[in-house]
Amino acid sequence: MTEPRLVDARGHVCPTPSLRLMKAMEGAPAGTVFVLLATDPMARIDVPYLMAQKQGLLLEVQEAEGVIRLTVQTG
């Protein structure tokens, strides 16, 4: 398995984290794993919605020291 692709959106507010993730996912083959780092709490709401729209999966959500780490997989 390859390493997840990192998308760092710390310090940005909605909708930038989701937009950065969407941009990174463009052209990625199905099954590609991405890790989004965000500090905006809205990412907890926006990213699952985005993944449902893109037929992807939200694999994991972790939070530590104010940074939300969302692991997703393209559909």
PDB file of N, CA and C in Angstrom:
ATOM      1  N   MET A   1       0.838  -1.184   0.000  1.00  0.00           N
ATOM      2  CA  MET A   1       0.000   0.000   0.000  1.00  0.00           C
ATOM      3  C   MET A   1       0.883   1.247   0.000  1.00  0.00           C
ATOM      4  N   THR A   2       0.500   2.224  -0.789  1.00  0.00           N
ATOM      5  CA  THR A   2       1.274   3.452  -0.872  1.00  0.00           C
ATOM      6  C   THR A   2       0.919   4.384   0.291  1.00  0.00           C
ATOM      7  N   GLU A   3       1.799   5.327   0.531  1.00  0.00           N
ATOM      8  CA  GLU A   3       1.576   6.308   1.588  1.00  0.00           C
ATOM      9  C   GLU A   3       0.397   7.208   1.215  1.00  0.00           C
ATOM     10  N   PRO A   4      -0.401   7.616   2.214  1.00  0.00           N
ATOM     11  CA  PRO A   4      -1.478   8.566   1.926  1.00  0.00           C
ATOM     12  C   PRO A   4      -0.917   9.898   1.430  1.00  0.00           C
ATOM     13  N   ARG A   5      -1.675  10.561   0.597  1.00  0.00           N
ATOM     14  CA  ARG A   5      -1.295  11.885   0.111  1.00  0.00           C
ATOM     15  C   ARG A   5      -1.764  12.915   1.128  1.00  0.00           C
ATOM     16  N   LEU A   6      -0.881  13.801   1.516  1.00  0.00           N
ATOM     17  CA  LEU A   6      -1.169  14.793   2.549  1.00  0.00           C
ATOM     18  C   LEU A   6      -1.684  16.084   1.925  1.00  0.00           C
ATOM     19  N   VAL A   7      -2.776  16.597   2.498  1.00  0.00           N
ATOM     20  CA  VAL A   7      -3.334  17.887   2.109  1.00  0.00           C
ATOM     21  C   VAL A   7      -3.368  18.732   3.376  1.00  0.00           C
ATOM     22  N   ASP A   8      -2.535  19.755   3.439  1.00  0.00           N
ATOM     23  CA  ASP A   8      -2.420  20.579   4.636  1.00  0.00           C
ATOM     24  C   ASP A   8      -3.231  21.865   4.463  1.00  0.00           C
ATOM     25  N   ALA A   9      -4.320  21.962   5.215  1.00  0.00           N
ATOM     26  CA  ALA A   9      -5.181  23.150   5.160  1.00  0.00           C
ATOM     27  C   ALA A   9      -5.279  23.806   6.533  1.00  0.00           C
ATOM     28  N   ARG A  10      -4.278  23.575   7.366  1.00  0.00           N
ATOM     29  CA  ARG A  10      -4.289  24.195   8.694  1.00  0.00           C
ATOM     30  C   ARG A  10      -4.238  25.709   8.564  1.00  0.00           C
ATOM     31  N   GLY A  11      -5.036  26.375   9.394  1.00  0.00           N
ATOM     32  CA  GLY A  11      -5.069  27.825   9.387  1.00  0.00           C
ATOM     33  C   GLY A  11      -6.061  28.422   8.404  1.00  0.00           C
ATOM     34  N   HIS A  12      -6.701  27.599   7.610  1.00  0.00           N
ATOM     35  CA  HIS A  12      -7.686  28.079   6.634  1.00  0.00           C
ATOM     36  C   HIS A  12      -9.092  27.756   7.125  1.00  0.00           C
ATOM     37  N   VAL A  13     -10.040  28.594   6.748  1.00  0.00           N
ATOM     38  CA  VAL A  13     -11.424  28.382   7.163  1.00  0.00           C
ATOM     39  C   VAL A  13     -12.262  27.894   5.990  1.00  0.00           C
ATOM     40  N   CYS A  14     -13.433  27.404   6.328  1.00  0.00           N
ATOM     41  CA  CYS A  14     -14.402  26.893   5.362  1.00  0.00           C
ATOM     42  C   CYS A  14     -14.618  27.917   4.246  1.00  0.00           C
ATOM     43  N   PRO A  15     -14.620  27.513   3.027  1.00  0.00           N
ATOM     44  CA  PRO A  15     -14.589  26.150   2.487  1.00  0.00           C
ATOM     45  C   PRO A  15     -13.207  25.695   2.027  1.00  0.00           C
ATOM     46  N   THR A  16     -12.161  26.433   2.351  1.00  0.00           N
ATOM     47  CA  THR A  16     -10.826  26.139   1.820  1.00  0.00           C
ATOM     48  C   THR A  16     -10.350  24.709   2.090  1.00  0.00           C
ATOM     49  N   PRO A  17     -10.486  24.152   3.310  1.00  0.00           N
ATOM     50  CA  PRO A  17     -10.004  22.768   3.493  1.00  0.00           C
ATOM     51  C   PRO A  17     -10.651  21.777   2.525  1.00  0.00           C
ATOM     52  N   SER A  18     -11.970  21.867   2.362  1.00  0.00           N
ATOM     53  CA  SER A  18     -12.659  20.953   1.440  1.00  0.00           C
ATOM     54  C   SER A  18     -12.247  21.202  -0.005  1.00  0.00           C
ATOM     55  N   LEU A  19     -12.083  22.461  -0.364  1.00  0.00           N
ATOM     56  CA  LEU A  19     -11.670  22.785  -1.736  1.00  0.00           C
ATOM     57  C   LEU A  19     -10.268  22.267  -2.029  1.00  0.00           C
ATOM     58  N   ARG A  20      -9.374  22.381  -1.061  1.00  0.00           N
ATOM     59  CA  ARG A  20      -8.011  21.850  -1.261  1.00  0.00           C
ATOM     60  C   ARG A  20      -8.028  20.335  -1.412  1.00  0.00           C
ATOM     61  N   LEU A  21      -8.855  19.689  -0.602  1.00  0.00           N
ATOM     62  CA  LEU A  21      -8.968  18.237  -0.715  1.00  0.00           C
ATOM     63  C   LEU A  21      -9.548  17.851  -2.067  1.00  0.00           C
ATOM     64  N   MET A  22     -10.600  18.538  -2.488  1.00  0.00           N
ATOM     65  CA  MET A  22     -11.225  18.242  -3.773  1.00  0.00           C
ATOM     66  C   MET A  22     -10.228  18.430  -4.912  1.00  0.00           C
ATOM     67  N   LYS A  23      -9.446  19.494  -4.866  1.00  0.00           N
ATOM     68  CA  LYS A  23      -8.434  19.754  -5.893  1.00  0.00           C
ATOM     69  C   LYS A  23      -7.386  18.635  -5.908  1.00  0.00           C
ATOM     70  N   ALA A  24      -6.943  18.203  -4.732  1.00  0.00           N
ATOM     71  CA  ALA A  24      -5.944  17.138  -4.651  1.00  0.00           C
ATOM     72  C   ALA A  24      -6.488  15.817  -5.196  1.00  0.00           C
ATOM     73  N   MET A  25      -7.787  15.591  -5.034  1.00  0.00           N
ATOM     74  CA  MET A  25      -8.398  14.339  -5.473  1.00  0.00           C
ATOM     75  C   MET A  25      -8.621  14.281  -6.980  1.00  0.00           C
ATOM     76  N   GLU A  26      -8.570  15.424  -7.663  1.00  0.00           N
ATOM     77  CA  GLU A  26      -8.799  15.452  -9.106  1.00  0.00           C
ATOM     78  C   GLU A  26      -7.820  14.524  -9.820  1.00  0.00           C
ATOM     79  N   GLY A  27      -8.363  13.614 -10.583  1.00  0.00           N
ATOM     80  CA  GLY A  27      -7.532  12.717 -11.377  1.00  0.00           C
ATOM     81  C   GLY A  27      -6.920  11.558 -10.609  1.00  0.00           C
ATOM     82  N   ALA A  28      -7.146  11.502  -9.298  1.00  0.00           N
ATOM     83  CA  ALA A  28      -6.590  10.398  -8.509  1.00  0.00           C
ATOM     84  C   ALA A  28      -7.393   9.130  -8.781  1.00  0.00           C
ATOM     85  N   PRO A  29      -6.720   8.007  -8.923  1.00  0.00           N
ATOM     86  CA  PRO A  29      -7.445   6.764  -9.165  1.00  0.00           C
ATOM     87  C   PRO A  29      -8.287   6.359  -7.948  1.00  0.00           C
ATOM     88  N   ALA A  30      -9.327   5.594  -8.207  1.00  0.00           N
ATOM     89  CA  ALA A  30     -10.165   5.084  -7.122  1.00  0.00           C
ATOM     90  C   ALA A  30      -9.299   4.310  -6.125  1.00  0.00           C
ATOM     91  N   GLY A  31      -9.588   4.509  -4.859  1.00  0.00           N
ATOM     92  CA  GLY A  31      -8.835   3.819  -3.810  1.00  0.00           C
ATOM     93  C   GLY A  31      -7.674   4.612  -3.259  1.00  0.00           C
ATOM     94  N   THR A  32      -7.393   5.787  -3.830  1.00  0.00           N
ATOM     95  CA  THR A  32      -6.301   6.622  -3.329  1.00  0.00           C
ATOM     96  C   THR A  32      -6.690   7.178  -1.958  1.00  0.00           C
ATOM     97  N   VAL A  33      -5.753   7.137  -1.033  1.00  0.00           N
ATOM     98  CA  VAL A  33      -5.997   7.614   0.327  1.00  0.00           C
ATOM     99  C   VAL A  33      -5.350   8.986   0.503  1.00  0.00           C
ATOM    100  N   PHE A  34      -6.112   9.890   1.096  1.00  0.00           N
ATOM    101  CA  PHE A  34      -5.649  11.244   1.400  1.00  0.00           C
ATOM    102  C   PHE A  34      -5.814  11.503   2.881  1.00  0.00           C
ATOM    103  N   VAL A  35      -4.912  12.301   3.434  1.00  0.00           N
ATOM    104  CA  VAL A  35      -5.041  12.784   4.804  1.00  0.00           C
ATOM    105  C   VAL A  35      -5.133  14.295   4.738  1.00  0.00           C
ATOM    106  N   LEU A  36      -6.246  14.834   5.224  1.00  0.00           N
ATOM    107  CA  LEU A  36      -6.452  16.275   5.287  1.00  0.00           C
ATOM    108  C   LEU A  36      -6.189  16.743   6.704  1.00  0.00           C
ATOM    109  N   LEU A  37      -5.307  17.725   6.846  1.00  0.00           N
ATOM    110  CA  LEU A  37      -5.071  18.359   8.137  1.00  0.00           C
ATOM    111  C   LEU A  37      -5.781  19.701   8.123  1.00  0.00           C
ATOM    112  N   ALA A  38      -6.632  19.931   9.118  1.00  0.00           N
ATOM    113  CA  ALA A  38      -7.407  21.158   9.173  1.00  0.00           C
ATOM    114  C   ALA A  38      -7.537  21.634  10.614  1.00  0.00           C
ATOM    115  N   THR A  39      -7.676  22.935  10.771  1.00  0.00           N
ATOM    116  CA  THR A  39      -7.922  23.497  12.094  1.00  0.00           C
ATOM    117  C   THR A  39      -9.330  24.058  12.208  1.00  0.00           C
ATOM    118  N   ASP A  40     -10.035  24.179  11.113  1.00  0.00           N
ATOM    119  CA  ASP A  40     -11.404  24.679  11.119  1.00  0.00           C
ATOM    120  C   ASP A  40     -12.353  23.540  11.501  1.00  0.00           C
ATOM    121  N   PRO A  41     -13.120  23.690  12.583  1.00  0.00           N
ATOM    122  CA  PRO A  41     -14.025  22.623  13.009  1.00  0.00           C
ATOM    123  C   PRO A  41     -15.076  22.242  11.964  1.00  0.00           C
ATOM    124  N   MET A  42     -15.371  23.138  11.029  1.00  0.00           N
ATOM    125  CA  MET A  42     -16.339  22.838   9.983  1.00  0.00           C
ATOM    126  C   MET A  42     -15.872  21.702   9.075  1.00  0.00           C
ATOM    127  N   ALA A  43     -14.581  21.417   9.063  1.00  0.00           N
ATOM    128  CA  ALA A  43     -14.075  20.311   8.240  1.00  0.00           C
ATOM    129  C   ALA A  43     -14.711  18.993   8.656  1.00  0.00           C
ATOM    130  N   ARG A  44     -15.067  18.855   9.933  1.00  0.00           N
ATOM    131  CA  ARG A  44     -15.726  17.636  10.422  1.00  0.00           C
ATOM    132  C   ARG A  44     -17.087  17.430   9.748  1.00  0.00           C
ATOM    133  N   ILE A  45     -17.701  18.516   9.322  1.00  0.00           N
ATOM    134  CA  ILE A  45     -19.001  18.447   8.654  1.00  0.00           C
ATOM    135  C   ILE A  45     -18.827  18.424   7.139  1.00  0.00           C
ATOM    136  N   ASP A  46     -17.969  19.302   6.638  1.00  0.00           N
ATOM    137  CA  ASP A  46     -17.809  19.469   5.190  1.00  0.00           C
ATOM    138  C   ASP A  46     -17.205  18.252   4.494  1.00  0.00           C
ATOM    139  N   VAL A  47     -16.188  17.662   5.092  1.00  0.00           N
ATOM    140  CA  VAL A  47     -15.479  16.567   4.421  1.00  0.00           C
ATOM    141  C   VAL A  47     -16.352  15.319   4.266  1.00  0.00           C
ATOM    142  N   PRO A  48     -17.092  14.884   5.286  1.00  0.00           N
ATOM    143  CA  PRO A  48     -17.979  13.739   5.053  1.00  0.00           C
ATOM    144  C   PRO A  48     -19.011  14.017   3.952  1.00  0.00           C
ATOM    145  N   TYR A  49     -19.523  15.233   3.901  1.00  0.00           N
ATOM    146  CA  TYR A  49     -20.466  15.601   2.854  1.00  0.00           C
ATOM    147  C   TYR A  49     -19.792  15.533   1.479  1.00  0.00           C
ATOM    148  N   LEU A  50     -18.578  16.078   1.384  1.00  0.00           N
ATOM    149  CA  LEU A  50     -17.833  16.040   0.125  1.00  0.00           C
ATOM    150  C   LEU A  50     -17.598  14.601  -0.323  1.00  0.00           C
ATOM    151  N   MET A  51     -17.203  13.747   0.606  1.00  0.00           N
ATOM    152  CA  MET A  51     -16.914  12.362   0.239  1.00  0.00           C
ATOM    153  C   MET A  51     -18.178  11.637  -0.214  1.00  0.00           C
ATOM    154  N   ALA A  52     -19.319  11.944   0.372  1.00  0.00           N
ATOM    155  CA  ALA A  52     -20.577  11.346  -0.072  1.00  0.00           C
ATOM    156  C   ALA A  52     -20.898  11.796  -1.498  1.00  0.00           C
ATOM    157  N   GLN A  53     -20.624  13.064  -1.796  1.00  0.00           N
ATOM    158  CA  GLN A  53     -20.875  13.590  -3.135  1.00  0.00           C
ATOM    159  C   GLN A  53     -19.945  12.960  -4.180  1.00  0.00           C
ATOM    160  N   LYS A  54     -18.729  12.629  -3.759  1.00  0.00           N
ATOM    161  CA  LYS A  54     -17.714  12.089  -4.674  1.00  0.00           C
ATOM    162  C   LYS A  54     -17.635  10.555  -4.629  1.00  0.00           C
ATOM    163  N   GLN A  55     -18.594   9.919  -3.967  1.00  0.00           N
ATOM    164  CA  GLN A  55     -18.630   8.469  -3.815  1.00  0.00           C
ATOM    165  C   GLN A  55     -17.355   7.916  -3.161  1.00  0.00           C
ATOM    166  N   GLY A  56     -16.788   8.694  -2.259  1.00  0.00           N
ATOM    167  CA  GLY A  56     -15.603   8.265  -1.525  1.00  0.00           C
ATOM    168  C   GLY A  56     -15.968   7.843  -0.118  1.00  0.00           C
ATOM    169  N   LEU A  57     -14.960   7.543   0.664  1.00  0.00           N
ATOM    170  CA  LEU A  57     -15.162   7.090   2.037  1.00  0.00           C
ATOM    171  C   LEU A  57     -14.385   7.966   3.014  1.00  0.00           C
ATOM    172  N   LEU A  58     -15.000   8.250   4.134  1.00  0.00           N
ATOM    173  CA  LEU A  58     -14.307   8.855   5.260  1.00  0.00           C
ATOM    174  C   LEU A  58     -13.843   7.691   6.122  1.00  0.00           C
ATOM    175  N   LEU A  59     -12.542   7.481   6.196  1.00  0.00           N
ATOM    176  CA  LEU A  59     -11.999   6.321   6.892  1.00  0.00           C
ATOM    177  C   LEU A  59     -11.771   6.568   8.374  1.00  0.00           C
ATOM    178  N   GLU A  60     -11.328   7.790   8.711  1.00  0.00           N
ATOM    179  CA  GLU A  60     -10.968   8.049  10.104  1.00  0.00           C
ATOM    180  C   GLU A  60     -10.930   9.545  10.362  1.00  0.00           C
ATOM    181  N   VAL A  61     -11.303   9.917  11.585  1.00  0.00           N
ATOM    182  CA  VAL A  61     -11.192  11.301  12.042  1.00  0.00           C
ATOM    183  C   VAL A  61     -10.480  11.276  13.390  1.00  0.00           C
ATOM    184  N   GLN A  62      -9.414  12.032  13.493  1.00  0.00           N
ATOM    185  CA  GLN A  62      -8.670  12.159  14.743  1.00  0.00           C
ATOM    186  C   GLN A  62      -8.471  13.639  15.016  1.00  0.00           C
ATOM    187  N   GLU A  63      -8.367  13.987  16.292  1.00  0.00           N
ATOM    188  CA  GLU A  63      -8.073  15.373  16.634  1.00  0.00           C
ATOM    189  C   GLU A  63      -7.071  15.404  17.776  1.00  0.00           C
ATOM    190  N   ALA A  64      -6.050  16.233  17.613  1.00  0.00           N
ATOM    191  CA  ALA A  64      -5.032  16.402  18.647  1.00  0.00           C
ATOM    192  C   ALA A  64      -4.468  17.807  18.548  1.00  0.00           C
ATOM    193  N   GLU A  65      -4.388  18.460  19.664  1.00  0.00           N
ATOM    194  CA  GLU A  65      -3.791  19.797  19.756  1.00  0.00           C
ATOM    195  C   GLU A  65      -4.407  20.774  18.755  1.00  0.00           C
ATOM    196  N   GLY A  66      -5.723  20.691  18.566  1.00  0.00           N
ATOM    197  CA  GLY A  66      -6.421  21.624  17.693  1.00  0.00           C
ATOM    198  C   GLY A  66      -6.341  21.321  16.214  1.00  0.00           C
ATOM    199  N   VAL A  67      -5.709  20.208  15.850  1.00  0.00           N
ATOM    200  CA  VAL A  67      -5.616  19.830  14.438  1.00  0.00           C
ATOM    201  C   VAL A  67      -6.491  18.607  14.195  1.00  0.00           C
ATOM    202  N   ILE A  68      -7.380  18.738  13.229  1.00  0.00           N
ATOM    203  CA  ILE A  68      -8.251  17.636  12.839  1.00  0.00           C
ATOM    204  C   ILE A  68      -7.583  16.912  11.674  1.00  0.00           C
ATOM    205  N   ARG A  69      -7.480  15.606  11.804  1.00  0.00           N
ATOM    206  CA  ARG A  69      -6.855  14.766  10.769  1.00  0.00           C
ATOM    207  C   ARG A  69      -7.944  13.856  10.209  1.00  0.00           C
ATOM    208  N   LEU A  70      -8.312  14.109   8.965  1.00  0.00           N
ATOM    209  CA  LEU A  70      -9.364  13.331   8.306  1.00  0.00           C
ATOM    210  C   LEU A  70      -8.725  12.469   7.221  1.00  0.00           C
ATOM    211  N   THR A  71      -8.929  11.174   7.345  1.00  0.00           N
ATOM    212  CA  THR A  71      -8.381  10.236   6.364  1.00  0.00           C
ATOM    213  C   THR A  71      -9.540   9.788   5.470  1.00  0.00           C
ATOM    214  N   VAL A  72      -9.360   9.972   4.174  1.00  0.00           N
ATOM    215  CA  VAL A  72     -10.417   9.649   3.214  1.00  0.00           C
ATOM    216  C   VAL A  72      -9.853   8.781   2.089  1.00  0.00           C
ATOM    217  N   GLN A  73     -10.764   8.141   1.378  1.00  0.00           N
ATOM    218  CA  GLN A  73     -10.379   7.296   0.245  1.00  0.00           C
ATOM    219  C   GLN A  73     -11.289   7.640  -0.930  1.00  0.00           C
ATOM    220  N   THR A  74     -10.693   7.825  -2.091  1.00  0.00           N
ATOM    221  CA  THR A  74     -11.486   8.152  -3.280  1.00  0.00           C
ATOM    222  C   THR A  74     -12.315   6.947  -3.699  1.00  0.00           C
ATOM    223  N   GLY A  75     -13.458   7.264  -4.324  1.00  0.00           N
ATOM    224  CA  GLY A  75     -14.372   6.205  -4.766  1.00  0.00           C
ATOM    225  C   GLY A  75     -14.154   5.874  -6.211  1.00  0.00           C
TER     226      GLY A  75
END
